[in-house]
């Protein structure tokens, strides 16, 4: 699914919304902020670290457009290189992020995501960000990517705009000047996207997890499986696959239970 947001100048999302979006889309995170004629970016597999970095940069440079992305992987491996946003071609003046699935032919040996291929190969072949200023090209891209949303930030002087959102109407603007590609930043919305019953902020119990797999490693969950974390990879069910110090809902009372269960990790994870 993924979650993509775009901030207008002088708007910043709430931390709790970023955390919720990242819990619901836990496979990598990234941001881009327009700052004094350049674009500052960051990405990583740690939600907490990426959110902290984004909010720090945003506070320093509030006057331009910005975007944040939380990934739910569909194509490509789950690693930092496949986290959004991506440079368009090799141009550090233009970055792109996407929510959805793009109809792109990817070779079986290509470890890139569909969005990364689009940013690195497809859009540059069309002429780069300048192609978005052509009404016909923009309409073609919008129709081709129906069901998806794509945001592009640029400081390229050849571009007419600094921010483009393809299929903008498929998302929504809030009253704070932030555009959201979907509602997975809201509490209690993730279950409808992965087919699980809603649990709110309560732990996912064994009955809920029956007949479903761990969202991180794919381990099958049985009725008597641990209701809090995967017994194979020790990722947190409440945070949809985060583990270690990336888990956003961990509480001290769970520490002893988890540490006892995963003693063979020899303390490599910090809590």
C-alpha atoms as a PDB file:
ATOM      1  CA  UNK A   1       0.000   0.000   0.000  1.00  0.00           C
ATOM      2  CA  UNK A   2       2.539   2.645   1.195  1.00  0.00           C
ATOM      3  CA  UNK A   3       1.825   6.117   2.525  1.00  0.00           C
ATOM      4  CA  UNK A   4       3.010   9.277   0.783  1.00  0.00           C
ATOM      5  CA  UNK A   5       2.508  12.792   2.084  1.00  0.00           C
ATOM      6  CA  UNK A   6       3.357  16.210   0.681  1.00  0.00           C
ATOM      7  CA  UNK A   7       3.696  19.312   2.860  1.00  0.00           C
ATOM      8  CA  UNK A   8       2.958  22.778   1.550  1.00  0.00           C
ATOM      9  CA  UNK A   9       5.347  25.544   2.667  1.00  0.00           C
ATOM     10  CA  UNK A  10       5.060  26.203   6.412  1.00  0.00           C
ATOM     11  CA  UNK A  11       3.189  22.988   7.137  1.00  0.00           C
ATOM     12  CA  UNK A  12       4.516  20.021   9.115  1.00  0.00           C
ATOM     13  CA  UNK A  13       2.776  16.712   9.934  1.00  0.00           C
ATOM     14  CA  UNK A  14       2.262  15.600  13.506  1.00  0.00           C
ATOM     15  CA  UNK A  15       4.727  13.063  14.847  1.00  0.00           C
ATOM     16  CA  UNK A  16       1.933  10.704  15.889  1.00  0.00           C
ATOM     17  CA  UNK A  17       0.601  10.649  12.319  1.00  0.00           C
ATOM     18  CA  UNK A  18       4.061   9.866  10.945  1.00  0.00           C
ATOM     19  CA  UNK A  19       4.462   7.093  13.516  1.00  0.00           C
ATOM     20  CA  UNK A  20       1.082   5.576  12.697  1.00  0.00           C
ATOM     21  CA  UNK A  21       1.807   5.735   8.953  1.00  0.00           C
ATOM     22  CA  UNK A  22       5.174   4.070   9.548  1.00  0.00           C
ATOM     23  CA  UNK A  23       3.684   1.314  11.711  1.00  0.00           C
ATOM     24  CA  UNK A  24       1.157   0.559   9.002  1.00  0.00           C
ATOM     25  CA  UNK A  25       3.759   0.662   6.215  1.00  0.00           C
ATOM     26  CA  UNK A  26       6.900  -0.740   7.875  1.00  0.00           C
ATOM     27  CA  UNK A  27       9.252  -1.680   5.032  1.00  0.00           C
ATOM     28  CA  UNK A  28      11.383   1.465   4.815  1.00  0.00           C
ATOM     29  CA  UNK A  29      11.120   5.228   5.153  1.00  0.00           C
ATOM     30  CA  UNK A  30      12.369   8.394   3.513  1.00  0.00           C
ATOM     31  CA  UNK A  31      11.859  12.116   3.024  1.00  0.00           C
ATOM     32  CA  UNK A  32      12.776  15.093   0.871  1.00  0.00           C
ATOM     33  CA  UNK A  33      12.730  18.760   1.877  1.00  0.00           C
ATOM     34  CA  UNK A  34      13.315  21.740  -0.403  1.00  0.00           C
ATOM     35  CA  UNK A  35      15.895  23.939   1.340  1.00  0.00           C
ATOM     36  CA  UNK A  36      17.452  27.112  -0.068  1.00  0.00           C
ATOM     37  CA  UNK A  37      17.652  26.015  -3.686  1.00  0.00           C
ATOM     38  CA  UNK A  38      18.552  22.382  -3.010  1.00  0.00           C
ATOM     39  CA  UNK A  39      16.791  19.237  -1.807  1.00  0.00           C
ATOM     40  CA  UNK A  40      17.787  17.545   1.447  1.00  0.00           C
ATOM     41  CA  UNK A  41      16.874  13.868   1.570  1.00  0.00           C
ATOM     42  CA  UNK A  42      17.193  10.939   3.931  1.00  0.00           C
ATOM     43  CA  UNK A  43      16.048   7.339   4.088  1.00  0.00           C
ATOM     44  CA  UNK A  44      16.433   4.244   6.212  1.00  0.00           C
ATOM     45  CA  UNK A  45      14.849   1.128   7.651  1.00  0.00           C
ATOM     46  CA  UNK A  46      14.371   2.671  11.098  1.00  0.00           C
ATOM     47  CA  UNK A  47      11.093   4.555  11.405  1.00  0.00           C
ATOM     48  CA  UNK A  48      12.058   6.378  14.582  1.00  0.00           C
ATOM     49  CA  UNK A  49      15.411   7.581  13.241  1.00  0.00           C
ATOM     50  CA  UNK A  50      13.945   8.651   9.899  1.00  0.00           C
ATOM     51  CA  UNK A  51      11.041  10.518  11.497  1.00  0.00           C
ATOM     52  CA  UNK A  52      13.429  12.276  13.885  1.00  0.00           C
ATOM     53  CA  UNK A  53      15.676  13.317  10.990  1.00  0.00           C
ATOM     54  CA  UNK A  54      12.761  14.497   8.856  1.00  0.00           C
ATOM     55  CA  UNK A  55      11.232  16.631  11.592  1.00  0.00           C
ATOM     56  CA  UNK A  56      14.635  18.128  12.426  1.00  0.00           C
ATOM     57  CA  UNK A  57      15.267  19.120   8.790  1.00  0.00           C
ATOM     58  CA  UNK A  58      11.698  20.345   8.373  1.00  0.00           C
ATOM     59  CA  UNK A  59      12.011  22.580  11.433  1.00  0.00           C
ATOM     60  CA  UNK A  60      15.167  24.101   9.983  1.00  0.00           C
ATOM     61  CA  UNK A  61      13.656  24.563   6.504  1.00  0.00           C
ATOM     62  CA  UNK A  62       9.883  25.108   6.845  1.00  0.00           C
ATOM     63  CA  UNK A  63       9.415  27.450   3.884  1.00  0.00           C
ATOM     64  CA  UNK A  64       9.541  24.992   0.989  1.00  0.00           C
ATOM     65  CA  UNK A  65       7.649  21.891  -0.045  1.00  0.00           C
ATOM     66  CA  UNK A  66       8.489  18.595   1.635  1.00  0.00           C
ATOM     67  CA  UNK A  67       7.451  14.960   1.433  1.00  0.00           C
ATOM     68  CA  UNK A  68       7.647  11.835   3.584  1.00  0.00           C
ATOM     69  CA  UNK A  69       7.164   8.213   2.488  1.00  0.00           C
ATOM     70  CA  UNK A  70       6.534   4.977   4.396  1.00  0.00           C
ATOM     71  CA  UNK A  71       6.835   1.853   2.261  1.00  0.00           C
ATOM     72  CA  UNK A  72       4.759  -1.305   2.145  1.00  0.00           C
ATOM     73  CA  UNK A  73       6.765  -3.447  -0.276  1.00  0.00           C
ATOM     74  CA  UNK A  74       5.155  -4.968  -3.367  1.00  0.00           C
ATOM     75  CA  UNK A  75       8.101  -5.060  -5.816  1.00  0.00           C
ATOM     76  CA  UNK A  76      11.804  -5.194  -5.073  1.00  0.00           C
ATOM     77  CA  UNK A  77      13.698  -6.218  -1.971  1.00  0.00           C
ATOM     78  CA  UNK A  78      13.153  -4.609   1.418  1.00  0.00           C
ATOM     79  CA  UNK A  79      16.288  -2.528   1.849  1.00  0.00           C
ATOM     80  CA  UNK A  80      17.370   1.087   2.145  1.00  0.00           C
ATOM     81  CA  UNK A  81      18.155   1.362  -1.562  1.00  0.00           C
ATOM     82  CA  UNK A  82      14.488   0.722  -2.386  1.00  0.00           C
ATOM     83  CA  UNK A  83      13.189   3.298   0.092  1.00  0.00           C
ATOM     84  CA  UNK A  84      11.585   6.386  -1.430  1.00  0.00           C
ATOM     85  CA  UNK A  85      12.226   9.081  -2.529  1.00  0.00           C
ATOM     86  CA  UNK A  86      14.432   8.469  -5.574  1.00  0.00           C
ATOM     87  CA  UNK A  87      16.451  10.810  -7.721  1.00  0.00           C
ATOM     88  CA  UNK A  88      14.988  11.227 -11.203  1.00  0.00           C
ATOM     89  CA  UNK A  89      17.802   9.821 -13.286  1.00  0.00           C
ATOM     90  CA  UNK A  90      21.046  11.146 -11.826  1.00  0.00           C
ATOM     91  CA  UNK A  91      19.650  14.623 -11.165  1.00  0.00           C
ATOM     92  CA  UNK A  92      19.975  15.602  -7.497  1.00  0.00           C
ATOM     93  CA  UNK A  93      17.666  18.554  -8.159  1.00  0.00           C
ATOM     94  CA  UNK A  94      14.603  16.309  -8.572  1.00  0.00           C
ATOM     95  CA  UNK A  95      13.199  13.562  -6.322  1.00  0.00           C
ATOM     96  CA  UNK A  96      10.187  11.306  -6.702  1.00  0.00           C
ATOM     97  CA  UNK A  97       8.061   9.122  -4.411  1.00  0.00           C
ATOM     98  CA  UNK A  98       5.036   6.944  -5.157  1.00  0.00           C
ATOM     99  CA  UNK A  99       2.103   5.151  -3.565  1.00  0.00           C
ATOM    100  CA  UNK A 100       0.618   2.223  -5.457  1.00  0.00           C
ATOM    101  CA  UNK A 101       1.769  -0.271  -8.088  1.00  0.00           C
ATOM    102  CA  UNK A 102       3.151   0.795 -11.461  1.00  0.00           C
ATOM    103  CA  UNK A 103       2.781  -1.308 -14.609  1.00  0.00           C
ATOM    104  CA  UNK A 104       6.495  -1.668 -15.272  1.00  0.00           C
ATOM    105  CA  UNK A 105       8.269  -4.696 -16.715  1.00  0.00           C
ATOM    106  CA  UNK A 106      11.029  -5.617 -14.253  1.00  0.00           C
ATOM    107  CA  UNK A 107      13.560  -8.318 -15.099  1.00  0.00           C
ATOM    108  CA  UNK A 108      13.638 -11.233 -12.664  1.00  0.00           C
ATOM    109  CA  UNK A 109      17.218 -10.388 -11.673  1.00  0.00           C
ATOM    110  CA  UNK A 110      16.474  -6.690 -11.075  1.00  0.00           C
ATOM    111  CA  UNK A 111      16.261  -6.058  -7.326  1.00  0.00           C
ATOM    112  CA  UNK A 112      14.838  -2.550  -7.746  1.00  0.00           C
ATOM    113  CA  UNK A 113      11.256  -1.621  -6.933  1.00  0.00           C
ATOM    114  CA  UNK A 114       8.797  -0.498  -9.620  1.00  0.00           C
ATOM    115  CA  UNK A 115       9.030   3.107  -8.376  1.00  0.00           C
ATOM    116  CA  UNK A 116      12.806   3.076  -8.467  1.00  0.00           C
ATOM    117  CA  UNK A 117      12.768   1.818 -12.069  1.00  0.00           C
ATOM    118  CA  UNK A 118      10.278   4.542 -12.987  1.00  0.00           C
ATOM    119  CA  UNK A 119      12.428   7.242 -11.370  1.00  0.00           C
ATOM    120  CA  UNK A 120      15.772   6.012 -12.669  1.00  0.00           C
ATOM    121  CA  UNK A 121      14.771   4.834 -16.152  1.00  0.00           C
ATOM    122  CA  UNK A 122      11.225   5.621 -17.306  1.00  0.00           C
ATOM    123  CA  UNK A 123      10.738   9.302 -16.459  1.00  0.00           C
ATOM    124  CA  UNK A 124      14.259  10.313 -17.604  1.00  0.00           C
ATOM    125  CA  UNK A 125      13.563   8.598 -20.942  1.00  0.00           C
ATOM    126  CA  UNK A 126      10.467  10.802 -21.281  1.00  0.00           C
ATOM    127  CA  UNK A 127      12.546  13.945 -20.775  1.00  0.00           C
ATOM    128  CA  UNK A 128      12.728  14.139 -17.006  1.00  0.00           C
ATOM    129  CA  UNK A 129      10.791  16.559 -14.851  1.00  0.00           C
ATOM    130  CA  UNK A 130      10.284  18.957 -17.785  1.00  0.00           C
ATOM    131  CA  UNK A 131       7.971  16.365 -19.366  1.00  0.00           C
ATOM    132  CA  UNK A 132       5.478  17.052 -16.573  1.00  0.00           C
ATOM    133  CA  UNK A 133       4.968  20.580 -17.933  1.00  0.00           C
ATOM    134  CA  UNK A 134       3.526  19.121 -21.122  1.00  0.00           C
ATOM    135  CA  UNK A 135      -0.236  18.761 -20.567  1.00  0.00           C
ATOM    136  CA  UNK A 136      -0.519  15.749 -22.867  1.00  0.00           C
ATOM    137  CA  UNK A 137       2.398  13.947 -21.236  1.00  0.00           C
ATOM    138  CA  UNK A 138       0.960  14.671 -17.783  1.00  0.00           C
ATOM    139  CA  UNK A 139      -2.438  13.283 -18.813  1.00  0.00           C
ATOM    140  CA  UNK A 140      -0.827  10.179 -20.295  1.00  0.00           C
ATOM    141  CA  UNK A 141       1.143   9.569 -17.102  1.00  0.00           C
ATOM    142  CA  UNK A 142      -1.964  10.134 -14.982  1.00  0.00           C
ATOM    143  CA  UNK A 143      -3.988   7.620 -16.992  1.00  0.00           C
ATOM    144  CA  UNK A 144      -1.146   5.093 -17.120  1.00  0.00           C
ATOM    145  CA  UNK A 145      -0.699   5.274 -13.347  1.00  0.00           C
ATOM    146  CA  UNK A 146      -4.408   5.167 -12.459  1.00  0.00           C
ATOM    147  CA  UNK A 147      -4.731   3.784  -8.937  1.00  0.00           C
ATOM    148  CA  UNK A 148      -1.329   5.199  -8.009  1.00  0.00           C
ATOM    149  CA  UNK A 149      -0.164   8.602  -6.785  1.00  0.00           C
ATOM    150  CA  UNK A 150       3.237  10.089  -7.613  1.00  0.00           C
ATOM    151  CA  UNK A 151       4.824  13.180  -6.034  1.00  0.00           C
ATOM    152  CA  UNK A 152       7.829  14.989  -7.507  1.00  0.00           C
ATOM    153  CA  UNK A 153       9.811  17.781  -5.838  1.00  0.00           C
ATOM    154  CA  UNK A 154      12.298  19.739  -7.928  1.00  0.00           C
ATOM    155  CA  UNK A 155      14.555  22.779  -7.826  1.00  0.00           C
ATOM    156  CA  UNK A 156      15.434  22.409 -11.516  1.00  0.00           C
ATOM    157  CA  UNK A 157      15.027  25.902 -13.047  1.00  0.00           C
ATOM    158  CA  UNK A 158      13.827  24.279 -16.271  1.00  0.00           C
ATOM    159  CA  UNK A 159      10.674  23.070 -14.500  1.00  0.00           C
ATOM    160  CA  UNK A 160       7.665  25.368 -14.223  1.00  0.00           C
ATOM    161  CA  UNK A 161       6.665  24.055 -10.781  1.00  0.00           C
ATOM    162  CA  UNK A 162       8.546  22.919  -7.674  1.00  0.00           C
ATOM    163  CA  UNK A 163       5.939  20.298  -6.749  1.00  0.00           C
ATOM    164  CA  UNK A 164       3.932  17.962  -8.972  1.00  0.00           C
ATOM    165  CA  UNK A 165       1.385  15.412  -7.772  1.00  0.00           C
ATOM    166  CA  UNK A 166       0.148  12.932 -10.347  1.00  0.00           C
ATOM    167  CA  UNK A 167      -3.393  11.708  -9.554  1.00  0.00           C
ATOM    168  CA  UNK A 168      -3.635  14.236  -6.739  1.00  0.00           C
ATOM    169  CA  UNK A 169      -7.421  13.816  -6.519  1.00  0.00           C
ATOM    170  CA  UNK A 170      -6.962  10.180  -5.439  1.00  0.00           C
ATOM    171  CA  UNK A 171      -5.523  11.466  -2.141  1.00  0.00           C
ATOM    172  CA  UNK A 172      -6.743  14.253   0.115  1.00  0.00           C
ATOM    173  CA  UNK A 173      -5.592  17.547   1.629  1.00  0.00           C
ATOM    174  CA  UNK A 174      -6.107  18.228   5.325  1.00  0.00           C
ATOM    175  CA  UNK A 175      -6.661  21.597   6.968  1.00  0.00           C
ATOM    176  CA  UNK A 176      -2.981  21.893   7.883  1.00  0.00           C
ATOM    177  CA  UNK A 177      -1.781  22.057   4.272  1.00  0.00           C
ATOM    178  CA  UNK A 178      -0.695  18.422   4.019  1.00  0.00           C
ATOM    179  CA  UNK A 179      -1.689  16.080   1.186  1.00  0.00           C
ATOM    180  CA  UNK A 180      -2.050  12.395   2.108  1.00  0.00           C
ATOM    181  CA  UNK A 181      -2.115   9.600  -0.451  1.00  0.00           C
ATOM    182  CA  UNK A 182      -4.409   7.493   1.764  1.00  0.00           C
ATOM    183  CA  UNK A 183      -5.633   7.221   5.361  1.00  0.00           C
ATOM    184  CA  UNK A 184      -3.087   4.779   6.815  1.00  0.00           C
ATOM    185  CA  UNK A 185      -1.694   7.607   8.955  1.00  0.00           C
ATOM    186  CA  UNK A 186      -4.887   7.429  11.001  1.00  0.00           C
ATOM    187  CA  UNK A 187      -5.229   5.071  13.948  1.00  0.00           C
ATOM    188  CA  UNK A 188      -7.100   1.828  13.345  1.00  0.00           C
ATOM    189  CA  UNK A 189      -6.968   1.918   9.525  1.00  0.00           C
ATOM    190  CA  UNK A 190      -4.280  -0.635   8.665  1.00  0.00           C
ATOM    191  CA  UNK A 191      -6.439  -3.745   9.136  1.00  0.00           C
ATOM    192  CA  UNK A 192      -8.584  -3.090   6.066  1.00  0.00           C
ATOM    193  CA  UNK A 193      -5.480  -3.094   3.847  1.00  0.00           C
ATOM    194  CA  UNK A 194      -4.097  -6.467   4.941  1.00  0.00           C
ATOM    195  CA  UNK A 195      -7.405  -8.197   5.651  1.00  0.00           C
ATOM    196  CA  UNK A 196      -7.113  -8.498   9.424  1.00  0.00           C
ATOM    197  CA  UNK A 197      -9.841  -7.586  11.918  1.00  0.00           C
ATOM    198  CA  UNK A 198      -9.350  -4.208  13.558  1.00  0.00           C
ATOM    199  CA  UNK A 199      -7.793  -4.239  17.030  1.00  0.00           C
ATOM    200  CA  UNK A 200      -7.294  -0.533  17.694  1.00  0.00           C
ATOM    201  CA  UNK A 201      -4.374  -0.039  20.064  1.00  0.00           C
ATOM    202  CA  UNK A 202      -4.827  -3.421  21.731  1.00  0.00           C
ATOM    203  CA  UNK A 203      -2.311  -6.249  21.194  1.00  0.00           C
ATOM    204  CA  UNK A 204      -3.106  -8.570  18.295  1.00  0.00           C
ATOM    205  CA  UNK A 205      -4.377 -11.729  19.955  1.00  0.00           C
ATOM    206  CA  UNK A 206      -3.938 -15.321  18.820  1.00  0.00           C
ATOM    207  CA  UNK A 207      -7.464 -15.547  17.419  1.00  0.00           C
ATOM    208  CA  UNK A 208      -6.866 -12.515  15.202  1.00  0.00           C
ATOM    209  CA  UNK A 209      -3.556 -13.918  13.922  1.00  0.00           C
ATOM    210  CA  UNK A 210      -5.014 -17.352  13.128  1.00  0.00           C
ATOM    211  CA  UNK A 211      -4.386 -18.271   9.469  1.00  0.00           C
ATOM    212  CA  UNK A 212      -2.179 -15.212   8.823  1.00  0.00           C
ATOM    213  CA  UNK A 213       1.575 -14.866   8.366  1.00  0.00           C
ATOM    214  CA  UNK A 214       4.120 -12.645  10.048  1.00  0.00           C
ATOM    215  CA  UNK A 215       4.276  -9.441   8.005  1.00  0.00           C
ATOM    216  CA  UNK A 216       8.097  -9.350   8.151  1.00  0.00           C
ATOM    217  CA  UNK A 217       9.382 -12.910   7.649  1.00  0.00           C
ATOM    218  CA  UNK A 218       6.222 -14.742   6.512  1.00  0.00           C
ATOM    219  CA  UNK A 219       6.212 -17.310   9.344  1.00  0.00           C
ATOM    220  CA  UNK A 220       2.798 -18.974   9.674  1.00  0.00           C
ATOM    221  CA  UNK A 221       0.837 -17.931  12.757  1.00  0.00           C
ATOM    222  CA  UNK A 222      -1.114 -20.639  14.595  1.00  0.00           C
ATOM    223  CA  UNK A 223      -3.872 -20.213  17.159  1.00  0.00           C
ATOM    224  CA  UNK A 224      -1.436 -20.764  20.029  1.00  0.00           C
ATOM    225  CA  UNK A 225       1.309 -18.520  18.620  1.00  0.00           C
ATOM    226  CA  UNK A 226       2.688 -15.703  20.738  1.00  0.00           C
ATOM    227  CA  UNK A 227       0.165 -12.822  20.479  1.00  0.00           C
ATOM    228  CA  UNK A 228       2.758 -10.032  20.699  1.00  0.00           C
ATOM    229  CA  UNK A 229       5.683 -10.887  18.455  1.00  0.00           C
ATOM    230  CA  UNK A 230       6.817 -13.407  15.846  1.00  0.00           C
ATOM    231  CA  UNK A 231       8.626 -16.336  17.455  1.00  0.00           C
ATOM    232  CA  UNK A 232      10.855 -16.656  14.378  1.00  0.00           C
ATOM    233  CA  UNK A 233      12.083 -13.087  13.697  1.00  0.00           C
ATOM    234  CA  UNK A 234      10.815 -11.411  16.915  1.00  0.00           C
ATOM    235  CA  UNK A 235       9.103  -8.565  15.059  1.00  0.00           C
ATOM    236  CA  UNK A 236       6.238  -6.779  16.765  1.00  0.00           C
ATOM    237  CA  UNK A 237       2.733  -7.587  15.490  1.00  0.00           C
ATOM    238  CA  UNK A 238       1.358  -4.264  16.714  1.00  0.00           C
ATOM    239  CA  UNK A 239       3.868  -2.426  14.528  1.00  0.00           C
ATOM    240  CA  UNK A 240       3.370  -4.664  11.500  1.00  0.00           C
ATOM    241  CA  UNK A 241       6.854  -6.046  11.232  1.00  0.00           C
ATOM    242  CA  UNK A 242       9.151  -3.654  13.097  1.00  0.00           C
ATOM    243  CA  UNK A 243      11.618  -5.092  15.558  1.00  0.00           C
ATOM    244  CA  UNK A 244      14.401  -4.010  17.866  1.00  0.00           C
ATOM    245  CA  UNK A 245      14.526  -0.307  18.671  1.00  0.00           C
ATOM    246  CA  UNK A 246      12.404   0.492  15.607  1.00  0.00           C
ATOM    247  CA  UNK A 247       9.222  -0.771  17.254  1.00  0.00           C
ATOM    248  CA  UNK A 248       7.069   2.253  18.075  1.00  0.00           C
ATOM    249  CA  UNK A 249       4.795   0.699  20.694  1.00  0.00           C
ATOM    250  CA  UNK A 250       7.150  -1.392  22.834  1.00  0.00           C
ATOM    251  CA  UNK A 251       6.575  -1.259  26.579  1.00  0.00           C
ATOM    252  CA  UNK A 252       8.993  -2.246  29.382  1.00  0.00           C
ATOM    253  CA  UNK A 253       6.785  -5.062  30.662  1.00  0.00           C
ATOM    254  CA  UNK A 254       7.372  -6.962  27.421  1.00  0.00           C
ATOM    255  CA  UNK A 255      11.156  -6.757  27.576  1.00  0.00           C
ATOM    256  CA  UNK A 256      11.783  -9.736  29.849  1.00  0.00           C
ATOM    257  CA  UNK A 257       9.442 -11.955  27.841  1.00  0.00           C
ATOM    258  CA  UNK A 258      11.081 -11.041  24.538  1.00  0.00           C
ATOM    259  CA  UNK A 259      14.676 -11.212  25.789  1.00  0.00           C
ATOM    260  CA  UNK A 260      14.069 -14.638  27.314  1.00  0.00           C
ATOM    261  CA  UNK A 261      12.558 -15.906  24.077  1.00  0.00           C
ATOM    262  CA  UNK A 262      15.331 -14.658  21.829  1.00  0.00           C
ATOM    263  CA  UNK A 263      18.341 -15.332  24.038  1.00  0.00           C
ATOM    264  CA  UNK A 264      20.248 -16.852  21.126  1.00  0.00           C
ATOM    265  CA  UNK A 265      20.532 -13.368  19.566  1.00  0.00           C
ATOM    266  CA  UNK A 266      23.128 -12.636  22.285  1.00  0.00           C
ATOM    267  CA  UNK A 267      21.820  -9.157  22.965  1.00  0.00           C
ATOM    268  CA  UNK A 268      22.369  -7.819  19.447  1.00  0.00           C
ATOM    269  CA  UNK A 269      19.063  -5.930  19.611  1.00  0.00           C
ATOM    270  CA  UNK A 270      18.726  -2.934  21.926  1.00  0.00           C
ATOM    271  CA  UNK A 271      15.510  -2.145  23.755  1.00  0.00           C
END
